[in-house]
Amino acid sequence: MGDLKLDITMSLDGFVAGPNQTLEEPLGAGGARLHEWVYGLATWREHHGKAGGETNVDDEVLQEQLAGSGAVLMGRRMFSGGSGPWAEDPNAGGWWGDESPFNVPVFVLTHHPREQLELKGGTFTFVADSLEAALEQAHAAAGDRAVMIAGGADVAQQCLRAGRVDEVQVHIAPLFLGGGVRLFDNLGGEPPSLEVTRVVESPRVTHVKYRVGR
């Protein structure tokens, strides 16, 4: 079984989304700036059906992460921004239209069951049972490759509290959001220990990789 890895971009003051998240601004006020480092990269553009882009150290980090991924775990809000029954979700089809950019199976934690969604580039399976059930299915789909926690913060925190995360890679964007959704809140009574295993610097973002202690 492969590792469970958290890979996410965070502001320097610890937020993965800004305040006042809406369908129009799913990452909250100013939150889209977190990911400016990735939008022009050749690997990101290729996975989103676009040509061209930069090949640099940031692209190498992204390429490594995607190449090692066999499945993705995410929360309901990352999938659609909604909550409650799917019939009442104005974005029930998700953010990606008819084509998934992940190119591997995606498992969505939700309180509301629904049928599997088949898109070009991958399937979305909605798991309403438990975190453990979602992880079991994701690891089975990934085989020997890693399961990547794509977000949001609540799912990442659930996995860390459960002691299931093997590796954390945080892409630290050089900006302050001043409020919003913190990545490392609600970790329980004894947060996990971390060992820095790699730091990659670039003008746009700093990539820090940690091994999570048991």
Protein backbone atom coordinates (compact mmCIF):
# COMPACT_ATOMS: atom_id res chain seq x y z
CA MET A 1 0.00 0.00 0.00
CA GLY A 2 1.27 3.46 -0.90
CA ASP A 3 1.65 6.42 1.42
CA LEU A 4 -1.02 8.97 2.28
CA LYS A 5 0.35 12.39 1.38
CA LEU A 6 -0.94 15.91 1.96
CA ASP A 7 0.08 18.35 -0.77
CA ILE A 8 -1.33 21.86 -0.48
CA THR A 9 -0.51 25.55 -0.93
CA MET A 10 -0.60 27.81 2.12
CA SER A 11 -0.08 31.52 2.77
CA LEU A 12 2.80 32.63 4.97
CA ASP A 13 0.31 33.33 7.77
CA GLY A 14 -1.12 29.81 7.59
CA PHE A 15 -4.28 30.00 5.47
CA VAL A 16 -5.33 27.77 2.56
CA ALA A 17 -8.34 29.93 1.69
CA GLY A 18 -9.25 33.52 2.37
CA PRO A 19 -12.34 34.81 4.18
CA ASN A 20 -15.87 34.90 2.74
CA GLN A 21 -15.82 31.88 0.44
CA THR A 22 -18.54 31.92 -2.22
CA LEU A 23 -19.29 30.12 -5.49
CA GLU A 24 -17.82 33.12 -7.30
CA GLU A 25 -14.73 33.11 -5.05
CA PRO A 26 -14.40 29.51 -3.82
CA LEU A 27 -11.02 30.26 -2.25
CA GLY A 28 -12.36 33.36 -0.48
CA ALA A 29 -11.17 36.93 -0.74
CA GLY A 30 -7.64 36.92 -2.12
CA GLY A 31 -7.37 33.13 -1.98
CA ALA A 32 -6.80 32.66 -5.70
CA ARG A 33 -3.45 34.40 -5.28
CA LEU A 34 -2.21 31.35 -3.39
CA HIS A 35 -1.96 29.36 -6.60
CA GLU A 36 -0.49 31.96 -8.93
CA TRP A 37 2.81 30.06 -8.83
CA VAL A 38 1.26 27.03 -10.54
CA TYR A 39 -0.99 28.42 -13.28
CA GLY A 40 1.79 29.09 -15.80
CA LEU A 41 3.66 25.81 -15.35
CA ALA A 42 3.87 23.44 -18.31
CA THR A 43 2.77 20.43 -16.24
CA TRP A 44 -0.26 22.21 -14.80
CA ARG A 45 -1.28 23.48 -18.22
CA GLU A 46 -0.94 20.02 -19.76
CA HIS A 47 -3.19 18.49 -17.07
CA HIS A 48 -5.79 21.16 -17.82
CA GLY A 49 -5.73 20.67 -21.59
CA LYS A 50 -3.58 23.71 -22.34
CA ALA A 51 -0.38 24.06 -24.35
CA GLY A 52 2.88 25.76 -23.48
CA GLY A 53 4.00 26.91 -20.06
CA GLU A 54 7.18 27.22 -18.04
CA THR A 55 9.57 24.41 -17.15
CA ASN A 56 11.47 25.33 -14.00
CA VAL A 57 12.05 24.07 -10.46
CA ASP A 58 8.38 24.63 -9.53
CA ASP A 59 7.33 22.56 -12.53
CA GLU A 60 9.67 19.76 -11.44
CA VAL A 61 8.09 19.69 -7.98
CA LEU A 62 4.60 19.57 -9.45
CA GLN A 63 5.56 16.90 -11.97
CA GLU A 64 7.02 14.74 -9.19
CA GLN A 65 3.86 15.04 -7.09
CA LEU A 66 1.52 14.15 -9.97
CA ALA A 67 3.68 11.26 -11.16
CA GLY A 68 3.56 9.65 -7.71
CA SER A 69 -0.20 9.96 -7.28
CA GLY A 70 -2.45 6.92 -7.75
CA ALA A 71 -5.64 8.39 -6.27
CA VAL A 72 -6.90 11.65 -4.76
CA LEU A 73 -8.93 12.29 -1.61
CA MET A 74 -10.87 15.53 -1.22
CA GLY A 75 -13.77 17.02 0.71
CA ARG A 76 -17.20 18.04 -0.54
CA ARG A 77 -16.36 21.74 -0.47
CA MET A 78 -13.29 21.24 -2.62
CA PHE A 79 -15.39 19.31 -5.12
CA SER A 80 -18.28 21.74 -5.47
CA GLY A 81 -18.15 24.39 -2.76
CA GLY A 82 -21.53 23.21 -1.51
CA SER A 83 -23.06 21.33 1.40
CA GLY A 84 -26.36 19.65 2.13
CA PRO A 85 -28.34 17.50 -0.32
CA TRP A 86 -26.87 17.28 -3.81
CA ALA A 87 -30.16 18.28 -5.40
CA GLU A 88 -29.80 21.67 -3.75
CA ASP A 89 -26.16 22.19 -4.78
CA PRO A 90 -25.93 24.71 -7.67
CA ASN A 91 -22.47 23.33 -8.53
CA ALA A 92 -23.23 19.62 -8.10
CA GLY A 93 -21.18 18.73 -11.19
CA GLY A 94 -18.01 20.12 -9.63
CA TRP A 95 -15.58 22.77 -10.82
CA TRP A 96 -14.06 20.93 -13.76
CA GLY A 97 -16.80 20.57 -16.36
CA ASP A 98 -16.66 17.35 -18.39
CA GLU A 99 -12.96 16.60 -17.90
CA SER A 100 -11.12 15.80 -14.68
CA PRO A 101 -7.63 17.32 -14.42
CA PHE A 102 -6.52 14.65 -11.94
CA ASN A 103 -6.17 11.68 -14.34
CA VAL A 104 -6.56 9.26 -11.41
CA PRO A 105 -9.60 8.13 -9.38
CA VAL A 106 -10.89 10.79 -6.97
CA PHE A 107 -12.73 10.00 -3.72
CA VAL A 108 -14.93 12.72 -2.24
CA LEU A 109 -15.87 12.67 1.44
CA THR A 110 -19.50 13.72 1.83
CA HIS A 111 -22.47 13.33 4.20
CA HIS A 112 -24.81 12.85 1.24
CA PRO A 113 -24.49 9.72 -0.95
CA ARG A 114 -24.67 9.91 -4.74
CA GLU A 115 -23.75 7.81 -7.75
CA GLN A 116 -20.21 7.77 -9.09
CA LEU A 117 -19.47 10.56 -11.55
CA GLU A 118 -17.62 9.54 -14.72
CA LEU A 119 -15.61 12.26 -16.43
CA LYS A 120 -12.98 12.20 -19.13
CA GLY A 121 -9.71 11.79 -17.25
CA GLY A 122 -11.10 9.99 -14.21
CA THR A 123 -13.96 9.07 -11.93
CA PHE A 124 -15.29 10.77 -8.79
CA THR A 125 -16.56 8.37 -6.12
CA PHE A 126 -18.60 9.89 -3.30
CA VAL A 127 -18.04 8.21 0.07
CA ALA A 128 -20.58 8.93 2.79
CA ASP A 129 -19.58 6.11 5.18
CA SER A 130 -16.47 7.35 7.00
CA LEU A 131 -12.94 8.63 6.53
CA GLU A 132 -11.63 5.09 6.97
CA ALA A 133 -13.93 3.81 4.21
CA ALA A 134 -12.77 6.56 1.86
CA LEU A 135 -9.10 5.82 2.61
CA GLU A 136 -9.61 2.10 2.11
CA GLN A 137 -11.16 2.65 -1.31
CA ALA A 138 -8.56 5.23 -2.31
CA HIS A 139 -5.62 3.02 -1.33
CA ALA A 140 -7.16 0.07 -3.17
CA ALA A 141 -7.45 2.20 -6.31
CA ALA A 142 -3.93 3.64 -5.95
CA GLY A 143 -2.17 0.30 -5.44
CA ASP A 144 1.50 0.91 -4.64
CA ARG A 145 1.27 4.61 -5.52
CA ALA A 146 0.38 7.40 -3.10
CA VAL A 147 -3.04 8.69 -2.18
CA MET A 148 -2.93 12.49 -2.30
CA ILE A 149 -5.06 14.62 0.02
CA ALA A 150 -5.98 17.53 -2.22
CA GLY A 151 -7.99 19.45 0.38
CA GLY A 152 -9.60 21.20 1.87
CA ALA A 153 -8.31 21.91 5.35
CA ASP A 154 -11.02 19.92 7.14
CA VAL A 155 -10.15 16.67 5.34
CA ALA A 156 -6.44 17.28 5.93
CA GLN A 157 -7.09 17.82 9.64
CA GLN A 158 -9.23 14.67 9.88
CA CYS A 159 -6.42 12.60 8.34
CA LEU A 160 -3.79 14.15 10.62
CA ARG A 161 -5.93 13.58 13.73
CA ALA A 162 -6.39 9.96 12.71
CA GLY A 163 -2.63 9.49 12.43
CA ARG A 164 -2.89 8.36 8.83
CA VAL A 165 -0.73 10.94 7.04
CA ASP A 166 2.78 9.82 6.06
CA GLU A 167 4.05 12.94 4.33
CA VAL A 168 3.16 16.63 4.14
CA GLN A 169 4.32 18.95 1.39
CA VAL A 170 3.38 22.59 1.87
CA HIS A 171 3.91 25.12 -0.90
CA ILE A 172 4.32 28.37 1.02
CA ALA A 173 3.19 31.35 -1.04
CA PRO A 174 4.84 34.69 -0.16
CA LEU A 175 1.67 36.50 0.85
CA PHE A 176 -0.54 37.22 3.85
CA LEU A 177 -4.28 36.57 3.65
CA GLY A 178 -4.99 37.91 7.13
CA GLY A 179 -7.95 35.56 7.71
CA GLY A 180 -9.88 32.65 6.29
CA VAL A 181 -9.34 28.90 6.64
CA ARG A 182 -6.26 27.80 8.56
CA LEU A 183 -4.57 24.58 7.49
CA PHE A 184 -3.35 23.34 10.85
CA ASP A 185 -6.24 24.06 13.23
CA ASN A 186 -8.12 21.30 15.10
CA LEU A 187 -5.32 18.73 15.20
CA GLY A 188 -6.34 17.22 18.52
CA GLY A 189 -4.59 16.98 21.87
CA GLU A 190 -1.18 15.85 20.62
CA PRO A 191 -0.32 17.05 17.11
CA PRO A 192 2.00 14.82 15.06
CA SER A 193 5.73 15.40 14.97
CA LEU A 194 7.33 16.51 11.71
CA GLU A 195 10.77 16.01 10.19
CA VAL A 196 11.87 18.29 7.37
CA THR A 197 13.10 16.15 4.49
CA ARG A 198 13.42 18.73 1.71
CA VAL A 199 13.22 22.45 1.02
CA VAL A 200 13.02 23.74 -2.56
CA GLU A 201 13.14 27.49 -3.07
CA SER A 202 12.04 29.57 -6.02
CA PRO A 203 11.15 33.23 -6.54
CA ARG A 204 7.40 32.47 -6.42
CA VAL A 205 6.96 29.85 -3.70
CA THR A 206 8.86 27.71 -1.18
CA HIS A 207 8.20 23.96 -1.21
CA VAL A 208 8.75 22.29 2.18
CA LYS A 209 8.38 18.54 2.54
CA TYR A 210 7.97 16.83 5.94
CA ARG A 211 7.89 13.23 7.07
CA VAL A 212 5.15 12.74 9.68
CA GLY A 213 6.12 10.94 12.89
CA ARG A 214 3.95 8.33 14.54
